[in-house]
Amino acid sequence: MPLVRTVLTAGAAAGAVAVALAAPAHAQEHDRCGAGLAVPGAEKQVAACLDDLTTAGTVASGHTVPADWAGLHAAGTRNPAGVPGIQLDGYFPDGSTFNANNGWNHDAQFVIRLPERWNGGLVVAGTPGNRRQYANDVTISDWALGKGYAYAATDKGNSGLEFSKDGRRPGDAVAEWNDRLTQLTRAAKKTVAKRYGHAPRRTYAAGISNGGYLVRWQLENRPDLYDGGIDAEGTLWRAGGPNLFTYLPAVLRAYPSYAATGDPAAHKALLKAGLAPGSEFLWPFHDQVYWELTQRIYREEFDPAYTGEEAGYDYAARPKAVHRAVARVSLTGRIRKPLITLQGTYDSLLPISTDSDAYAKLVRARGKAPYRYYRLEAANHVDGLYDTYPDRLRPLLPCMRTAFTALESWTRNGTAPPESGTLPRPASGDLVNTCSLTD
């Protein structure tokens, strides 16, 4: 997994700078493939008939960007292939130009994939970190297409390390993420209905990290659009905390001393900030790649007036306007459709104690809700790290897929998934491709 810092964001893995994708090679087939499939609200779209909508085919045909999904999955991940159908690439009206995919230099880009053999369902996703619309192609799209689902994904309306420059006031860029997923879901449902003759019977939201945050927000605020969702290590925003700003500065202050001398007091401070005992072997990587960068780019989004060192940032003492900006995108825990949350106990970017543990408490405080929460022992934030530490980690993705199957049964016939709990790391077996939601 490369350590290039230029595309690192909260919830994304290290990877190469996203390469502009040339206009799809099959664009000239628009009249034959996808004719009449105008995506509602789209300013531009290009349709292509593909022999294979999965990455086994789209890498060669130029209908994905591997840099978008670099590092997000373990090398041994098995995915289906050979799913023919129609791919629609395009964008909605937007004034920002961070996304260079397709050579468009235009944000609010989307991809919609419509398999020939459709199972009647739709899976919609937003991207992890600040990646672009193809970021979930290996982790979500391939697998969903293999099951017969139509699939749609958005770049969230802005991407890259300077996403905070989008919008007119603090918080606008992140608020746009939610709006763009809502926009795409509505448009994709209508596009699916036109393609197959009826609306999807089931629509699911799925996402990882910032994409998981989007799932939570949608099921809290737009539950009418979905039948359920899968939230993998979603980012937690709360105006009063916890959020990135309530623990990352403490990590930045304590880690240099711990790294230099093993200072017990610094180690204690890191654990108090939320990092898990046993995850120490992951800390050098996160110090090099994630912590300071993540703190800075999100602080620039919500508090651009701050001029001090990131390690000295004191969120509690910042002006009320900063807290109001975070409040605009905060979560409440009031989910109104079935939701399954998963997170690794060794997550060293979004510590589980300050993230999904806290979100689960919010959900439960609202009363009885259709919710399950699985804590995955020894999973971390980025599955690509499993290849470096196969004897210490476990990938999260196979459990996300098992959870999706459980969500299908839950929403179709009322069969509830196994009770929430902590899932021990298996001592043997294919950890990359199998997972059980029971002990």
Protein backbone atom coordinates (compact mmCIF):
# COMPACT_ATOMS: atom_id res chain seq x y z
CA MET A 1 0.00 0.00 0.00
CA PRO A 2 1.72 3.20 -1.14
CA LEU A 3 2.34 6.01 1.31
CA VAL A 4 1.54 8.86 -1.05
CA ARG A 5 -0.06 11.61 1.04
CA THR A 6 -1.76 13.47 -1.77
CA VAL A 7 -5.08 11.62 -1.64
CA LEU A 8 -5.21 10.77 2.03
CA THR A 9 -8.26 11.90 3.94
CA ALA A 10 -10.26 10.67 6.87
CA GLY A 11 -11.38 7.19 5.95
CA ALA A 12 -9.37 6.83 2.75
CA ALA A 13 -6.25 4.78 2.20
CA ALA A 14 -2.95 6.02 0.84
CA GLY A 15 -2.88 5.91 -2.91
CA ALA A 16 -1.72 7.60 -6.05
CA VAL A 17 -3.17 10.88 -7.24
CA ALA A 18 -6.38 10.19 -9.12
CA VAL A 19 -5.68 10.03 -12.85
CA ALA A 20 -8.07 11.70 -15.24
CA LEU A 21 -10.20 9.09 -16.96
CA ALA A 22 -10.48 9.44 -20.68
CA ALA A 23 -13.89 9.61 -22.24
CA PRO A 24 -15.28 6.05 -22.17
CA ALA A 25 -14.26 4.02 -25.20
CA HIS A 26 -17.86 2.92 -25.77
CA ALA A 27 -19.29 6.44 -25.73
CA GLN A 28 -20.21 6.22 -29.40
CA GLU A 29 -22.66 3.46 -28.53
CA HIS A 30 -24.97 5.88 -26.72
CA ASP A 31 -27.64 5.61 -29.40
CA ARG A 32 -27.71 1.83 -29.08
CA CYS A 33 -27.04 1.46 -25.36
CA GLY A 34 -28.88 3.51 -22.83
CA ALA A 35 -30.81 5.52 -25.39
CA GLY A 36 -33.55 7.37 -23.59
CA LEU A 37 -32.01 6.78 -20.16
CA ALA A 38 -31.68 10.43 -19.27
CA VAL A 39 -30.61 10.67 -15.62
CA PRO A 40 -32.96 13.23 -14.05
CA GLY A 41 -31.17 16.47 -13.26
CA ALA A 42 -27.90 15.50 -14.93
CA GLU A 43 -26.10 18.24 -16.84
CA LYS A 44 -24.01 15.70 -18.75
CA GLN A 45 -24.05 11.95 -19.19
CA VAL A 46 -22.39 9.31 -21.35
CA ALA A 47 -23.77 5.79 -21.77
CA ALA A 48 -21.89 2.63 -22.66
CA CYS A 49 -22.79 -1.02 -23.17
CA LEU A 50 -20.15 -3.11 -21.43
CA ASP A 51 -19.47 -6.82 -21.50
CA ASP A 52 -18.46 -6.56 -17.84
CA LEU A 53 -19.51 -3.82 -15.40
CA THR A 54 -17.17 -5.13 -12.68
CA THR A 55 -13.58 -4.01 -12.30
CA ALA A 56 -12.48 -7.20 -14.07
CA GLY A 57 -13.78 -5.48 -17.20
CA THR A 58 -13.89 -1.76 -16.46
CA VAL A 59 -10.17 -1.42 -15.75
CA ALA A 60 -9.41 -2.56 -19.29
CA SER A 61 -12.30 -0.68 -20.90
CA GLY A 62 -11.51 2.59 -19.11
CA HIS A 63 -14.74 2.80 -17.14
CA THR A 64 -13.16 3.04 -13.71
CA VAL A 65 -10.12 4.73 -12.15
CA PRO A 66 -8.02 2.30 -10.08
CA ALA A 67 -6.43 5.19 -8.18
CA ASP A 68 -9.88 5.98 -6.76
CA TRP A 69 -9.97 2.63 -4.93
CA ALA A 70 -6.26 1.97 -4.30
CA GLY A 71 -5.51 0.49 -0.88
CA LEU A 72 -9.10 0.04 0.28
CA HIS A 73 -9.19 -3.77 0.13
CA ALA A 74 -6.95 -6.71 0.95
CA ALA A 75 -5.05 -8.15 -1.99
CA GLY A 76 -6.75 -11.54 -1.76
CA THR A 77 -10.29 -10.16 -1.99
CA ARG A 78 -12.39 -12.28 -4.35
CA ASN A 79 -14.98 -10.50 -6.45
CA PRO A 80 -17.46 -11.62 -9.09
CA ALA A 81 -16.88 -10.82 -12.77
CA GLY A 82 -18.64 -11.10 -16.09
CA VAL A 83 -21.68 -8.89 -15.41
CA PRO A 84 -22.79 -7.28 -18.69
CA GLY A 85 -24.93 -4.18 -18.76
CA ILE A 86 -25.07 -0.41 -19.18
CA GLN A 87 -22.85 2.13 -17.44
CA LEU A 88 -23.92 5.75 -17.21
CA ASP A 89 -21.27 8.32 -16.32
CA GLY A 90 -22.13 11.96 -15.86
CA TYR A 91 -22.44 14.93 -13.55
CA PHE A 92 -25.05 17.15 -11.99
CA PRO A 93 -24.79 20.96 -12.15
CA ASP A 94 -22.06 22.16 -9.79
CA GLY A 95 -19.76 25.14 -9.58
CA SER A 96 -16.63 23.40 -8.27
CA THR A 97 -14.01 21.59 -10.33
CA PHE A 98 -11.97 19.29 -8.09
CA ASN A 99 -12.85 16.07 -9.95
CA ALA A 100 -10.75 15.43 -13.08
CA ASN A 101 -12.22 11.99 -13.82
CA ASN A 102 -13.45 11.52 -17.38
CA GLY A 103 -11.48 14.63 -18.34
CA TRP A 104 -14.41 16.75 -17.22
CA ASN A 105 -12.87 18.83 -14.39
CA HIS A 106 -16.33 19.02 -12.91
CA ASP A 107 -17.70 17.96 -9.54
CA ALA A 108 -20.92 16.14 -8.65
CA GLN A 109 -19.88 13.29 -10.95
CA PHE A 110 -21.75 10.01 -10.68
CA VAL A 111 -21.69 6.50 -12.05
CA ILE A 112 -24.78 4.30 -12.49
CA ARG A 113 -24.45 0.64 -13.49
CA LEU A 114 -27.43 -1.32 -14.77
CA PRO A 115 -26.85 -5.08 -15.15
CA GLU A 116 -28.67 -7.06 -17.82
CA ARG A 117 -29.83 -9.55 -15.19
CA TRP A 118 -31.42 -7.37 -12.53
CA ASN A 119 -32.60 -8.65 -9.16
CA GLY A 120 -34.99 -5.74 -8.60
CA GLY A 121 -32.78 -3.84 -6.16
CA LEU A 122 -30.54 -0.78 -6.04
CA VAL A 123 -27.43 -0.06 -3.97
CA VAL A 124 -26.36 3.57 -3.59
CA ALA A 125 -23.03 4.70 -2.19
CA GLY A 126 -21.00 7.77 -1.36
CA THR A 127 -17.24 7.62 -1.33
CA PRO A 128 -14.88 7.09 1.61
CA GLY A 129 -12.51 9.88 2.56
CA ASN A 130 -12.34 12.52 -0.14
CA ARG A 131 -12.09 10.13 -3.04
CA ARG A 132 -14.02 10.16 -6.27
CA GLN A 133 -16.99 8.25 -7.62
CA TYR A 134 -15.24 4.97 -8.46
CA ALA A 135 -13.77 4.53 -4.95
CA ASN A 136 -16.24 1.78 -4.02
CA ASP A 137 -15.87 -0.20 -7.23
CA VAL A 138 -14.00 -3.11 -5.65
CA THR A 139 -15.48 -2.98 -2.16
CA ILE A 140 -19.18 -2.46 -3.00
CA SER A 141 -19.97 -2.18 -6.71
CA ASP A 142 -18.46 -5.47 -7.91
CA TRP A 143 -20.15 -7.48 -5.19
CA ALA A 144 -23.52 -5.76 -5.56
CA LEU A 145 -23.49 -6.22 -9.34
CA GLY A 146 -22.62 -9.88 -8.89
CA LYS A 147 -25.81 -10.25 -6.84
CA GLY A 148 -27.85 -8.55 -9.58
CA TYR A 149 -28.26 -5.10 -8.05
CA ALA A 150 -28.18 -1.86 -9.97
CA TYR A 151 -25.52 0.38 -8.48
CA ALA A 152 -25.00 4.13 -8.21
CA ALA A 153 -22.24 6.21 -6.62
CA THR A 154 -21.39 9.88 -6.25
CA ASP A 155 -18.18 11.83 -5.65
CA LYS A 156 -20.16 13.74 -2.98
CA GLY A 157 -19.81 17.04 -4.83
CA ASN A 158 -16.18 17.75 -3.88
CA SER A 159 -13.00 15.76 -3.38
CA GLY A 160 -9.28 15.99 -2.71
CA LEU A 161 -7.31 17.67 0.05
CA GLU A 162 -8.66 21.16 -0.61
CA PHE A 163 -12.34 20.21 -0.54
CA SER A 164 -12.86 22.92 2.11
CA LYS A 165 -12.58 25.55 -0.64
CA ASP A 166 -15.98 24.43 -1.93
CA GLY A 167 -18.93 26.39 -0.60
CA ARG A 168 -19.29 29.87 0.85
CA ARG A 169 -19.27 29.19 4.59
CA PRO A 170 -17.71 26.68 6.98
CA GLY A 171 -19.37 23.28 6.77
CA ASP A 172 -20.83 23.80 3.29
CA ALA A 173 -18.60 21.19 1.64
CA VAL A 174 -19.55 18.39 4.04
CA ALA A 175 -23.22 19.41 3.99
CA GLU A 176 -23.09 19.03 0.21
CA TRP A 177 -22.08 15.38 0.62
CA ASN A 178 -25.46 14.59 2.13
CA ASP A 179 -27.35 16.56 -0.50
CA ARG A 180 -25.50 14.84 -3.33
CA LEU A 181 -26.27 11.33 -2.08
CA THR A 182 -29.93 12.26 -1.73
CA GLN A 183 -29.89 13.73 -5.25
CA LEU A 184 -28.27 10.66 -6.75
CA THR A 185 -30.59 8.23 -4.95
CA ARG A 186 -33.67 9.98 -6.32
CA ALA A 187 -32.22 10.17 -9.82
CA ALA A 188 -30.99 6.57 -9.79
CA LYS A 189 -34.39 5.26 -8.72
CA LYS A 190 -36.04 6.97 -11.67
CA THR A 191 -33.34 5.81 -14.05
CA VAL A 192 -33.73 2.23 -12.83
CA ALA A 193 -37.49 2.44 -13.28
CA LYS A 194 -37.08 3.62 -16.85
CA ARG A 195 -34.52 0.93 -17.67
CA TYR A 196 -36.40 -2.04 -16.20
CA GLY A 197 -40.02 -0.92 -16.28
CA HIS A 198 -40.58 -0.50 -12.56
CA ALA A 199 -38.98 1.16 -9.55
CA PRO A 200 -36.53 -0.82 -7.42
CA ARG A 201 -38.24 -3.08 -4.90
CA ARG A 202 -35.42 -2.52 -2.42
CA THR A 203 -32.96 0.35 -2.13
CA TYR A 204 -29.99 0.15 0.20
CA ALA A 205 -27.38 2.72 1.16
CA ALA A 206 -23.88 1.41 1.81
CA GLY A 207 -20.66 3.15 2.68
CA ILE A 208 -17.26 3.07 4.35
CA SER A 209 -15.85 5.83 6.60
CA ASN A 210 -17.20 9.13 5.24
CA GLY A 211 -19.45 6.94 3.12
CA GLY A 212 -20.68 5.28 6.32
CA TYR A 213 -21.41 8.71 7.76
CA LEU A 214 -23.57 9.38 4.71
CA VAL A 215 -25.54 6.19 5.32
CA ARG A 216 -26.22 7.21 8.92
CA TRP A 217 -27.31 10.70 7.88
CA GLN A 218 -29.59 9.43 5.11
CA LEU A 219 -31.37 6.95 7.38
CA GLU A 220 -31.84 9.68 9.97
CA ASN A 221 -32.98 12.39 7.56
CA ARG A 222 -34.19 10.75 4.32
CA PRO A 223 -35.53 7.37 5.47
CA ASP A 224 -38.26 7.38 2.83
CA LEU A 225 -35.65 6.79 0.13
CA TYR A 226 -34.18 3.56 1.54
CA ASP A 227 -35.09 0.18 2.91
CA GLY A 228 -31.93 -0.07 5.01
CA GLY A 229 -28.24 0.61 5.16
CA ILE A 230 -24.76 -0.71 5.90
CA ASP A 231 -22.47 1.67 7.77
CA ALA A 232 -18.84 0.55 7.92
CA GLU A 233 -16.78 2.68 10.34
CA GLY A 234 -18.77 5.83 9.57
CA THR A 235 -17.30 9.14 10.68
CA LEU A 236 -19.10 10.61 13.70
CA TRP A 237 -19.85 14.32 13.75
CA ARG A 238 -21.34 15.78 16.93
CA ALA A 239 -21.28 19.48 17.74
CA GLY A 240 -20.63 18.74 21.40
CA GLY A 241 -18.29 15.86 20.60
CA PRO A 242 -17.06 13.34 20.05
CA ASN A 243 -15.72 14.31 16.66
CA LEU A 244 -12.33 14.42 14.95
CA PHE A 245 -11.41 17.62 16.76
CA THR A 246 -12.00 16.26 20.25
CA TYR A 247 -9.32 13.56 19.98
CA LEU A 248 -6.92 14.14 17.06
CA PRO A 249 -5.16 17.17 18.62
CA ALA A 250 -4.55 15.13 21.79
CA VAL A 251 -3.06 12.35 19.67
CA LEU A 252 -0.84 14.83 17.84
CA ARG A 253 0.40 16.27 21.15
CA ALA A 254 1.20 12.96 22.79
CA TYR A 255 2.56 10.81 20.00
CA PRO A 256 5.97 12.48 19.40
CA SER A 257 7.03 11.84 22.99
CA TYR A 258 5.77 8.27 22.91
CA ALA A 259 7.50 7.59 19.60
CA ALA A 260 10.79 9.06 20.79
CA THR A 261 11.06 7.48 24.25
CA GLY A 262 8.08 5.22 24.87
CA ASP A 263 7.02 7.70 27.55
CA PRO A 264 4.36 5.95 29.70
CA ALA A 265 2.54 9.21 30.33
CA ALA A 266 2.31 9.86 26.59
CA HIS A 267 1.11 6.32 26.02
CA LYS A 268 -1.58 6.82 28.63
CA ALA A 269 -2.64 10.05 26.91
CA LEU A 270 -2.95 8.26 23.57
CA LEU A 271 -5.17 5.60 25.08
CA LYS A 272 -7.24 8.28 26.80
CA ALA A 273 -7.71 9.98 23.42
CA GLY A 274 -9.30 6.78 22.16
CA LEU A 275 -6.57 4.66 20.58
CA ALA A 276 -6.92 1.01 21.49
CA PRO A 277 -4.39 -1.00 23.51
CA GLY A 278 -2.76 -3.48 21.16
CA SER A 279 -2.96 -1.18 18.15
CA GLU A 280 0.43 0.45 18.84
CA PHE A 281 2.04 -1.25 15.84
CA LEU A 282 -0.31 0.79 13.60
CA TRP A 283 0.51 4.17 15.12
CA PRO A 284 3.70 4.99 13.15
CA PHE A 285 1.84 4.57 9.87
CA HIS A 286 -1.04 6.75 11.03
CA ASP A 287 1.35 9.38 12.32
CA GLN A 288 3.14 9.46 8.97
CA VAL A 289 0.03 9.34 6.80
CA TYR A 290 -3.20 10.33 8.53
CA TRP A 291 -3.37 12.16 11.82
CA GLU A 292 -2.01 15.64 11.14
CA LEU A 293 -3.33 15.73 7.59
CA THR A 294 -6.83 14.69 8.64
CA GLN A 295 -6.92 17.20 11.48
CA ARG A 296 -5.81 20.01 9.17
CA ILE A 297 -8.07 19.45 6.19
CA TYR A 298 -11.22 19.05 8.30
CA ARG A 299 -10.29 21.93 10.57
CA GLU A 300 -9.90 24.06 7.43
CA GLU A 301 -13.46 23.07 6.51
CA PHE A 302 -15.11 23.91 9.82
CA ASP A 303 -12.72 26.48 11.33
CA PRO A 304 -10.71 28.25 8.60
CA ALA A 305 -9.94 31.22 10.86
CA TYR A 306 -7.69 29.18 13.14
CA THR A 307 -3.98 29.88 12.54
CA GLY A 308 -2.19 27.89 15.24
CA GLU A 309 -0.56 24.48 15.29
CA GLU A 310 -2.95 21.57 14.75
CA ALA A 311 -1.66 19.83 17.88
CA GLY A 312 -2.69 22.89 19.89
CA TYR A 313 -6.22 23.05 18.54
CA ASP A 314 -8.81 23.35 21.33
CA TYR A 315 -12.22 22.68 19.82
CA ALA A 316 -14.09 23.38 23.06
CA ALA A 317 -12.61 26.87 23.23
CA ARG A 318 -13.30 27.82 19.63
CA PRO A 319 -16.07 30.32 18.74
CA LYS A 320 -19.68 29.23 18.73
CA ALA A 321 -19.75 29.66 14.96
CA VAL A 322 -17.39 26.69 14.64
CA HIS A 323 -19.68 24.50 16.72
CA ARG A 324 -22.66 25.65 14.68
CA ALA A 325 -20.85 24.64 11.50
CA VAL A 326 -20.32 21.14 12.89
CA ALA A 327 -23.90 21.04 14.13
CA ARG A 328 -25.14 21.48 10.56
CA VAL A 329 -23.79 18.04 9.66
CA SER A 330 -24.12 16.32 13.03
CA LEU A 331 -25.77 12.97 13.62
CA THR A 332 -28.50 12.31 16.15
CA GLY A 333 -28.87 8.52 16.24
CA ARG A 334 -32.51 8.78 15.21
CA ILE A 335 -32.42 6.16 12.46
CA ARG A 336 -35.75 5.28 10.90
CA LYS A 337 -34.84 2.29 8.73
CA PRO A 338 -32.79 -0.85 9.53
CA LEU A 339 -29.10 -0.07 9.91
CA ILE A 340 -26.09 -2.30 10.52
CA THR A 341 -22.88 -0.66 11.78
CA LEU A 342 -19.46 -2.34 11.75
CA GLN A 343 -16.13 -1.06 13.02
CA GLY A 344 -12.75 -2.53 13.93
CA THR A 345 -11.40 -2.36 17.46
CA TYR A 346 -7.95 -1.42 16.08
CA ASP A 347 -9.22 1.53 14.07
CA SER A 348 -6.48 4.10 14.66
CA LEU A 349 -7.95 6.88 12.53
CA LEU A 350 -11.51 6.92 13.85
CA PRO A 351 -11.09 5.18 17.21
CA ILE A 352 -14.00 2.88 17.92
CA SER A 353 -14.55 4.28 21.43
CA THR A 354 -15.03 7.81 20.09
CA ASP A 355 -16.92 6.76 16.98
CA SER A 356 -19.19 3.75 16.53
CA ASP A 357 -19.40 2.97 20.25
CA ALA A 358 -20.64 6.53 20.73
CA TYR A 359 -23.00 6.37 17.76
CA ALA A 360 -24.50 3.10 18.98
CA LYS A 361 -25.25 4.78 22.30
CA LEU A 362 -27.02 7.59 20.46
CA VAL A 363 -29.18 5.11 18.57
CA ARG A 364 -30.06 3.14 21.69
CA ALA A 365 -30.84 6.30 23.64
CA ARG A 366 -33.59 7.02 21.09
CA GLY A 367 -35.38 3.87 22.14
CA LYS A 368 -36.02 0.66 20.29
CA ALA A 369 -34.65 0.95 16.77
CA PRO A 370 -33.94 -1.51 13.92
CA TYR A 371 -30.20 -1.53 14.60
CA ARG A 372 -27.28 -3.92 14.88
CA TYR A 373 -23.69 -3.05 15.77
CA TYR A 374 -20.76 -5.41 15.30
CA ARG A 375 -17.35 -4.62 16.78
CA LEU A 376 -14.68 -6.52 14.84
CA GLU A 377 -11.71 -7.51 16.94
CA ALA A 378 -8.40 -6.54 15.28
CA ALA A 379 -9.91 -4.86 12.22
CA ASN A 380 -8.52 -1.41 11.44
CA HIS A 381 -9.66 1.47 9.27
CA VAL A 382 -8.03 0.42 5.99
CA ASP A 383 -8.18 -3.18 4.76
CA GLY A 384 -5.08 -2.66 2.63
CA LEU A 385 -3.02 -2.80 5.84
CA TYR A 386 -4.03 -6.44 6.31
CA ASP A 387 -1.49 -7.39 3.65
CA THR A 388 1.26 -5.88 5.82
CA TYR A 389 0.04 -7.43 9.08
CA PRO A 390 -1.86 -10.64 8.20
CA ASP A 391 -0.97 -12.18 11.57
CA ARG A 392 -2.33 -9.23 13.58
CA LEU A 393 -5.27 -7.78 11.63
CA ARG A 394 -8.47 -8.89 9.96
CA PRO A 395 -10.18 -7.17 7.01
CA LEU A 396 -13.53 -5.49 7.61
CA LEU A 397 -14.92 -6.00 4.09
CA PRO A 398 -15.99 -9.67 4.37
CA CYS A 399 -18.03 -8.81 7.48
CA MET A 400 -19.59 -5.89 5.64
CA ARG A 401 -20.72 -8.30 2.94
CA THR A 402 -22.08 -10.82 5.43
CA ALA A 403 -23.92 -7.95 7.13
CA PHE A 404 -25.43 -6.90 3.81
CA THR A 405 -26.82 -10.40 3.30
CA ALA A 406 -28.28 -10.23 6.81
CA LEU A 407 -29.81 -6.83 5.98
CA GLU A 408 -31.47 -8.32 2.92
CA SER A 409 -33.18 -10.98 5.02
CA TRP A 410 -34.10 -8.43 7.66
CA THR A 411 -35.84 -6.11 5.20
CA ARG A 412 -37.38 -8.78 2.98
CA ASN A 413 -38.81 -11.30 5.39
CA GLY A 414 -38.23 -9.88 8.87
CA THR A 415 -35.46 -12.30 9.83
CA ALA A 416 -33.44 -10.30 12.34
CA PRO A 417 -29.62 -10.47 12.17
CA PRO A 418 -27.62 -11.93 15.08
CA GLU A 419 -27.56 -9.73 18.17
CA SER A 420 -25.01 -6.93 18.35
CA GLY A 421 -21.67 -7.79 19.85
CA THR A 422 -17.90 -8.00 19.55
CA LEU A 423 -16.71 -10.59 17.03
CA PRO A 424 -13.37 -12.22 17.93
CA ARG A 425 -10.69 -12.43 15.28
CA PRO A 426 -10.85 -15.96 13.79
CA ALA A 427 -7.80 -18.07 14.60
CA SER A 428 -7.87 -19.69 11.17
CA GLY A 429 -9.69 -19.75 7.85
CA ASP A 430 -10.00 -17.29 4.99
CA LEU A 431 -10.18 -14.00 6.86
CA VAL A 432 -10.12 -12.01 3.62
CA ASN A 433 -13.30 -13.50 2.15
CA THR A 434 -15.36 -15.00 4.97
CA CYS A 435 -17.00 -13.68 8.12
CA SER A 436 -19.60 -14.84 10.61
CA LEU A 437 -21.69 -12.37 12.59
CA THR A 438 -21.87 -14.78 15.52
CA ASP A 439 -19.17 -15.76 18.00
